[in-house]
Protein backbone atom coordinates (compact mmCIF):
# COMPACT_ATOMS: atom_id res chain seq x y z
CA MET A 1 -0.19 37.01 75.58
CA PRO A 2 -3.24 38.92 75.95
CA ASP A 3 -5.02 36.29 72.90
CA GLU A 4 -3.95 33.72 74.82
CA THR A 5 -5.45 34.79 78.09
CA GLY A 6 -8.70 35.59 76.31
CA GLY A 7 -8.89 32.25 74.41
CA LEU A 8 -8.10 30.46 78.18
CA ARG A 9 -11.12 32.48 79.44
CA GLU A 10 -13.12 31.75 76.65
CA ARG A 11 -12.65 27.96 76.83
CA LYS A 12 -13.29 27.99 80.59
CA LYS A 13 -16.58 29.78 80.27
CA LEU A 14 -17.36 27.53 77.76
CA ALA A 15 -16.45 24.14 79.99
CA THR A 16 -18.38 26.10 82.94
CA ARG A 17 -21.53 26.29 80.41
CA GLU A 18 -21.25 22.85 79.30
CA ALA A 19 -20.87 21.64 82.74
CA LEU A 20 -23.94 23.23 83.94
CA SER A 21 -26.29 22.21 81.17
CA ALA A 22 -25.05 18.45 81.66
CA ALA A 23 -25.65 18.56 85.33
CA ALA A 24 -29.25 20.35 84.79
CA LEU A 25 -30.10 17.51 82.37
CA ARG A 26 -28.77 14.68 84.68
CA LEU A 27 -30.59 16.05 87.56
CA ALA A 28 -33.87 16.28 85.70
CA LEU A 29 -33.55 12.80 84.30
CA GLU A 30 -32.74 11.55 87.67
CA ARG A 31 -35.52 13.60 89.43
CA GLY A 32 -37.95 15.13 87.06
CA ALA A 33 -37.55 18.79 86.03
CA GLU A 34 -40.14 19.93 88.40
CA ASN A 35 -37.88 18.56 91.34
CA VAL A 36 -34.48 20.41 90.11
CA ARG A 37 -33.42 23.59 91.56
CA VAL A 38 -30.97 26.21 90.51
CA ASP A 39 -29.02 25.31 93.73
CA ASP A 40 -29.27 21.64 92.81
CA ILE A 41 -27.36 22.15 89.13
CA ALA A 42 -24.78 24.64 90.46
CA GLU A 43 -23.82 22.53 93.44
CA ALA A 44 -23.60 19.24 91.07
CA ALA A 45 -21.57 21.58 88.58
CA GLY A 46 -19.00 22.72 91.42
CA VAL A 47 -20.10 26.33 91.17
CA SER A 48 -22.35 29.05 92.67
CA PRO A 49 -25.93 29.76 92.04
CA ARG A 50 -24.70 33.24 91.13
CA THR A 51 -22.34 31.72 88.80
CA TYR A 52 -25.15 29.66 87.37
CA ASN A 53 -26.86 32.85 86.73
CA ASN A 54 -24.60 34.41 84.50
CA TYR A 55 -25.10 31.52 81.99
CA PHE A 56 -28.85 30.77 82.12
CA SER A 57 -31.99 32.55 83.25
CA SER A 58 -33.97 29.57 83.75
CA ARG A 59 -33.73 25.70 84.73
CA GLU A 60 -35.65 24.96 81.49
CA GLN A 61 -32.59 26.85 79.71
CA ALA A 62 -29.93 24.98 81.29
CA ILE A 63 -31.72 21.56 80.57
CA VAL A 64 -32.51 22.32 76.80
CA ALA A 65 -28.87 23.51 76.15
CA ALA A 66 -27.71 20.06 76.76
CA VAL A 67 -29.11 18.83 73.86
CA THR A 68 -29.20 22.15 71.52
CA ALA A 69 -25.60 23.35 72.67
CA GLU A 70 -23.72 24.93 69.82
CA ARG A 71 -26.62 24.28 67.08
CA ALA A 72 -26.79 27.78 65.90
CA SER A 73 -23.22 27.86 64.95
CA ARG A 74 -23.09 24.53 63.57
CA VAL A 75 -26.10 25.44 60.85
CA ALA A 76 -24.34 28.71 59.62
CA ALA A 77 -21.03 26.68 59.41
CA ALA A 78 -22.74 23.69 57.70
CA LEU A 79 -24.06 26.61 55.15
CA ARG A 80 -20.63 28.11 54.71
CA ALA A 81 -19.30 24.47 53.94
CA ARG A 82 -21.96 24.19 51.18
CA PRO A 83 -21.01 24.41 47.44
CA ARG A 84 -21.07 28.20 46.45
CA GLU A 85 -22.71 27.53 43.32
CA GLU A 86 -25.52 25.79 44.68
CA PRO A 87 -28.59 27.90 44.82
CA LEU A 88 -29.22 29.78 48.42
CA ALA A 89 -32.74 28.23 49.32
CA GLU A 90 -31.18 24.66 48.66
CA ALA A 91 -28.45 25.40 50.31
CA VAL A 92 -30.00 26.90 53.65
CA THR A 93 -32.30 23.98 53.54
CA GLU A 94 -29.95 21.36 53.64
CA ALA A 95 -27.97 23.29 56.27
CA VAL A 96 -30.74 23.37 58.54
CA VAL A 97 -31.82 19.67 58.08
CA GLU A 98 -28.49 18.15 58.20
CA GLN A 99 -27.90 20.13 61.77
CA TYR A 100 -31.58 19.22 63.08
CA THR A 101 -31.32 15.36 61.94
CA SER A 102 -29.33 14.37 65.31
CA GLU A 103 -32.28 14.84 67.74
CA PRO A 104 -32.27 14.10 71.46
CA ALA A 105 -33.85 10.34 71.81
CA GLY A 106 -35.05 8.00 74.44
CA GLU A 107 -35.24 9.97 78.09
CA ALA A 108 -34.07 12.90 76.86
CA LEU A 109 -36.74 13.50 74.36
CA ALA A 110 -39.03 11.98 76.83
CA LEU A 111 -38.20 14.76 79.17
CA ILE A 112 -38.32 17.56 76.87
CA THR A 113 -41.83 16.53 75.58
CA SER A 114 -43.18 15.78 79.27
CA SER A 115 -42.98 19.50 80.19
CA PRO A 116 -44.57 22.29 78.23
CA ARG A 117 -41.75 24.80 79.63
CA LEU A 118 -39.19 22.80 78.05
CA ARG A 119 -41.37 22.03 74.81
CA LYS A 120 -41.45 25.90 74.78
CA GLU A 121 -37.65 26.33 75.70
CA TYR A 122 -36.66 23.50 72.90
CA VAL A 123 -38.82 25.22 70.15
CA GLU A 124 -37.49 28.49 70.89
CA ALA A 125 -33.95 27.66 70.97
CA ALA A 126 -34.00 27.89 67.31
CA VAL A 127 -34.15 31.89 67.48
CA ALA A 128 -30.21 31.46 68.17
CA MET A 129 -29.46 30.40 64.73
CA ARG A 130 -30.69 34.06 63.65
CA GLN A 131 -27.41 35.82 64.03
CA PRO A 132 -25.02 33.60 63.03
CA LEU A 133 -27.42 32.56 59.91
CA GLU A 134 -27.43 36.33 58.93
CA SER A 135 -23.50 36.39 58.63
CA ALA A 136 -23.59 33.22 56.76
CA ILE A 137 -26.36 34.55 54.26
CA ALA A 138 -24.33 37.68 54.10
CA GLU A 139 -21.19 36.07 52.68
CA ARG A 140 -23.11 34.47 49.92
CA LEU A 141 -25.29 37.44 48.97
CA ASP A 142 -22.22 39.89 48.23
CA GLY A 143 -23.93 42.89 47.16
CA ALA A 144 -27.33 42.54 48.46
CA ALA A 145 -29.81 45.00 49.87
CA ALA A 146 -28.85 45.70 53.28
CA LEU A 147 -31.53 44.21 55.36
CA ALA A 148 -31.73 41.26 53.22
CA PRO A 149 -29.61 38.75 55.47
CA ALA A 150 -31.25 39.78 58.63
CA VAL A 151 -34.90 39.24 57.12
CA LEU A 152 -33.87 35.95 55.49
CA ALA A 153 -32.14 34.41 58.62
CA ALA A 154 -35.07 35.32 60.66
CA ALA A 155 -37.62 34.10 58.15
CA VAL A 156 -35.48 30.71 58.38
CA SER A 157 -35.52 30.68 62.04
CA ALA A 158 -38.96 31.36 62.13
CA ALA A 159 -39.90 28.59 60.03
CA THR A 160 -37.65 26.30 61.70
CA ARG A 161 -39.36 27.13 65.10
CA VAL A 162 -42.75 26.20 63.13
CA ALA A 163 -41.46 22.53 62.19
CA LEU A 164 -40.22 21.99 65.87
CA ALA A 165 -43.63 23.00 67.11
CA HIS A 166 -45.29 20.58 64.97
CA TRP A 167 -42.67 17.84 65.34
CA VAL A 168 -43.18 16.54 68.75
CA ARG A 169 -46.58 16.80 70.67
CA ALA A 170 -47.22 15.34 74.19
CA SER A 171 -50.51 14.59 76.05
CA ASP A 172 -51.03 13.81 79.28
CA THR A 173 -53.45 10.96 79.89
CA GLY A 174 -54.38 12.12 83.03
CA GLY A 175 -52.77 9.96 85.38
CA GLY A 176 -49.40 11.32 85.30
CA PHE A 177 -48.51 9.37 82.44
CA VAL A 178 -47.24 11.47 79.18
CA VAL A 179 -47.78 10.30 75.44
CA VAL A 180 -45.18 11.43 73.46
CA ARG A 181 -46.37 11.51 69.52
CA VAL A 182 -43.78 11.89 66.54
CA GLU A 183 -46.24 12.81 64.03
CA ARG A 184 -43.80 13.11 61.20
CA SER A 185 -40.17 13.03 60.48
CA LEU A 186 -38.44 16.27 61.12
CA PRO A 187 -36.50 16.61 58.32
CA ASP A 188 -39.80 16.47 56.07
CA LEU A 189 -41.41 19.11 58.41
CA LEU A 190 -38.42 21.21 58.04
CA ARG A 191 -38.23 20.97 54.05
CA GLU A 192 -41.93 21.55 54.31
CA ALA A 193 -41.74 25.04 56.76
CA LEU A 194 -38.34 25.97 54.33
CA ALA A 195 -40.18 25.82 51.18
CA GLN A 196 -42.30 28.69 52.12
CA VAL A 197 -39.15 30.73 52.61
CA ALA A 198 -37.52 29.66 49.39
CA PRO A 199 -39.20 31.82 46.99
CA ALA A 200 -37.70 34.66 49.18
CA LEU A 201 -34.12 33.43 49.18
CA ARG A 202 -34.09 32.75 45.37
CA ALA A 203 -35.31 36.31 45.09
CA ALA A 204 -32.40 37.85 47.08
CA GLN A 205 -30.11 35.78 45.11
CA GLY A 206 -31.53 37.30 41.84
């Protein structure tokens, strides 16, 4: 019974988080991110502002969560699903690329790139993959040095952030219009960035 109660509680928390992030994105698309208040998001999701603050520390975090939800755990799951005989460097690269090829498009992408705060939050969201990825790497490096999985996961997370930061850039034309420039494909940038981490991944595997 306690397990069932705990599971129900977690599902309710997840549903609330999803409702808040969905409301944040919808309102931002309708009004513009700068015109959305925390109170507006909470009201649209049917919760109190205090409840909102239990889930998100900023408006930007809630908006970005709508397009990056659960990606961190999906990267780790994708790594676990890779063949055990596949070299770690290749497995990590493919797991990350696989989960980042389904990117926000259209209005959501334009919204994120139009705001420096949203762009920053979107890039920083990659940090969330470090902890779940550390566990997945540790499983593949049975008997490795104690710090190796943590260091490697941090390096992969940092490389991913660099690739994201270079992927989409926005420039203000001065008249209130924002031009979105996708300079290179995200998979290409991710592979290039993660190639810098590959030697360490190979060395850890021995």
